[in-house]
C-alpha atoms as a PDB file:
ATOM      1  CA  UNK A   1       0.000   0.000   0.000  1.00  0.00           C
ATOM      2  CA  UNK A   2       1.043   3.573  -0.602  1.00  0.00           C
ATOM      3  CA  UNK A   3       1.339   5.861   2.433  1.00  0.00           C
ATOM      4  CA  UNK A   4      -1.929   7.553   1.461  1.00  0.00           C
ATOM      5  CA  UNK A   5      -3.714   4.208   1.064  1.00  0.00           C
ATOM      6  CA  UNK A   6      -2.344   3.072   4.403  1.00  0.00           C
ATOM      7  CA  UNK A   7      -3.620   6.151   6.236  1.00  0.00           C
ATOM      8  CA  UNK A   8      -7.067   5.940   4.592  1.00  0.00           C
ATOM      9  CA  UNK A   9      -7.264   2.213   5.385  1.00  0.00           C
ATOM     10  CA  UNK A  10      -6.447   3.052   9.012  1.00  0.00           C
ATOM     11  CA  UNK A  11      -9.231   5.657   9.085  1.00  0.00           C
ATOM     12  CA  UNK A  12     -11.705   3.100   7.694  1.00  0.00           C
ATOM     13  CA  UNK A  13     -10.566   0.497  10.234  1.00  0.00           C
ATOM     14  CA  UNK A  14     -10.779   2.878  13.192  1.00  0.00           C
ATOM     15  CA  UNK A  15     -14.277   4.100  12.339  1.00  0.00           C
ATOM     16  CA  UNK A  16     -15.624   0.678  11.385  1.00  0.00           C
ATOM     17  CA  UNK A  17     -13.975  -1.093  14.320  1.00  0.00           C
ATOM     18  CA  UNK A  18     -11.931  -3.432  12.139  1.00  0.00           C
ATOM     19  CA  UNK A  19      -8.419  -4.759  12.606  1.00  0.00           C
ATOM     20  CA  UNK A  20      -7.439  -4.595   8.921  1.00  0.00           C
ATOM     21  CA  UNK A  21      -8.638  -2.859   5.764  1.00  0.00           C
ATOM     22  CA  UNK A  22      -7.071  -3.565   2.361  1.00  0.00           C
ATOM     23  CA  UNK A  23      -6.500  -1.019  -0.404  1.00  0.00           C
ATOM     24  CA  UNK A  24      -9.183  -2.674  -2.555  1.00  0.00           C
ATOM     25  CA  UNK A  25     -11.842  -2.665   0.187  1.00  0.00           C
ATOM     26  CA  UNK A  26     -14.759  -0.257   0.081  1.00  0.00           C
ATOM     27  CA  UNK A  27     -17.137   1.110   2.695  1.00  0.00           C
ATOM     28  CA  UNK A  28     -20.135  -1.099   1.997  1.00  0.00           C
ATOM     29  CA  UNK A  29     -18.237  -4.352   1.468  1.00  0.00           C
ATOM     30  CA  UNK A  30     -16.775  -3.777   4.936  1.00  0.00           C
ATOM     31  CA  UNK A  31     -20.246  -3.503   6.462  1.00  0.00           C
ATOM     32  CA  UNK A  32     -20.278   0.286   6.684  1.00  0.00           C
ATOM     33  CA  UNK A  33     -23.298   2.489   6.096  1.00  0.00           C
ATOM     34  CA  UNK A  34     -23.878   6.083   5.027  1.00  0.00           C
ATOM     35  CA  UNK A  35     -23.356   7.443   8.553  1.00  0.00           C
ATOM     36  CA  UNK A  36     -19.990   5.684   8.719  1.00  0.00           C
ATOM     37  CA  UNK A  37     -19.238   7.193   5.314  1.00  0.00           C
ATOM     38  CA  UNK A  38     -19.841  10.711   6.624  1.00  0.00           C
ATOM     39  CA  UNK A  39     -17.475  10.098   9.539  1.00  0.00           C
ATOM     40  CA  UNK A  40     -14.829   8.618   7.244  1.00  0.00           C
ATOM     41  CA  UNK A  41     -15.139  11.468   4.757  1.00  0.00           C
ATOM     42  CA  UNK A  42     -14.790  14.099   7.497  1.00  0.00           C
ATOM     43  CA  UNK A  43     -11.767  12.352   8.998  1.00  0.00           C
ATOM     44  CA  UNK A  44     -10.101  12.075   5.566  1.00  0.00           C
ATOM     45  CA  UNK A  45     -10.684  15.792   4.996  1.00  0.00           C
ATOM     46  CA  UNK A  46      -9.201  16.625   8.396  1.00  0.00           C
ATOM     47  CA  UNK A  47      -6.233  14.290   8.042  1.00  0.00           C
ATOM     48  CA  UNK A  48      -5.260  15.368   4.519  1.00  0.00           C
ATOM     49  CA  UNK A  49      -6.407  19.003   4.796  1.00  0.00           C
ATOM     50  CA  UNK A  50      -8.505  18.751   1.640  1.00  0.00           C
ATOM     51  CA  UNK A  51     -12.147  19.025   0.646  1.00  0.00           C
ATOM     52  CA  UNK A  52     -13.233  15.614  -0.623  1.00  0.00           C
ATOM     53  CA  UNK A  53     -16.379  16.117  -2.706  1.00  0.00           C
ATOM     54  CA  UNK A  54     -19.279  13.881  -1.660  1.00  0.00           C
ATOM     55  CA  UNK A  55     -19.657  12.660  -5.257  1.00  0.00           C
ATOM     56  CA  UNK A  56     -16.014  11.620  -5.421  1.00  0.00           C
ATOM     57  CA  UNK A  57     -16.210   9.798  -2.099  1.00  0.00           C
ATOM     58  CA  UNK A  58     -19.377   7.948  -3.147  1.00  0.00           C
ATOM     59  CA  UNK A  59     -18.099   7.102  -6.630  1.00  0.00           C
ATOM     60  CA  UNK A  60     -14.755   5.834  -5.386  1.00  0.00           C
ATOM     61  CA  UNK A  61     -14.880   2.070  -5.319  1.00  0.00           C
ATOM     62  CA  UNK A  62     -12.034   1.503  -2.898  1.00  0.00           C
ATOM     63  CA  UNK A  63      -9.512   2.886  -0.461  1.00  0.00           C
ATOM     64  CA  UNK A  64      -7.043   2.879  -3.379  1.00  0.00           C
ATOM     65  CA  UNK A  65      -9.324   5.060  -5.555  1.00  0.00           C
ATOM     66  CA  UNK A  66      -9.792   7.615  -2.778  1.00  0.00           C
ATOM     67  CA  UNK A  67      -6.015   7.655  -2.247  1.00  0.00           C
ATOM     68  CA  UNK A  68      -5.371   8.139  -5.977  1.00  0.00           C
ATOM     69  CA  UNK A  69      -7.782  11.088  -6.012  1.00  0.00           C
ATOM     70  CA  UNK A  70      -6.082  12.680  -2.984  1.00  0.00           C
ATOM     71  CA  UNK A  71      -2.573  12.159  -4.347  1.00  0.00           C
ATOM     72  CA  UNK A  72      -3.477  13.601  -7.758  1.00  0.00           C
ATOM     73  CA  UNK A  73      -5.229  16.567  -6.155  1.00  0.00           C
ATOM     74  CA  UNK A  74      -2.250  17.308  -3.907  1.00  0.00           C
ATOM     75  CA  UNK A  75       0.104  17.204  -6.928  1.00  0.00           C
ATOM     76  CA  UNK A  76      -2.214  19.367  -9.027  1.00  0.00           C
ATOM     77  CA  UNK A  77      -2.620  16.604 -11.611  1.00  0.00           C
ATOM     78  CA  UNK A  78      -5.781  15.561 -13.430  1.00  0.00           C
ATOM     79  CA  UNK A  79      -8.032  13.409 -11.298  1.00  0.00           C
ATOM     80  CA  UNK A  80      -7.870   9.732 -12.348  1.00  0.00           C
ATOM     81  CA  UNK A  81     -11.165   8.347 -13.580  1.00  0.00           C
ATOM     82  CA  UNK A  82     -12.651   5.107 -12.306  1.00  0.00           C
ATOM     83  CA  UNK A  83     -12.306   2.108 -14.610  1.00  0.00           C
END
């Protein structure tokens, strides 16, 4: 995992009460719901000092996709599109 993926996975795990979250995991496959999603989104925004649009968070299929969006945004690069 990249450092960004690792931190996001840790945020997911902490909020969802899990021991481990993989880069390819997503909120709903981990048993999360929309309220968990709000908490995760807010914590990601705080941790990375960014504004993560709700649409991007919802459309992202995995921890890895959210991390790719954050990394591209921080570098000022075009946002990668989902496959």
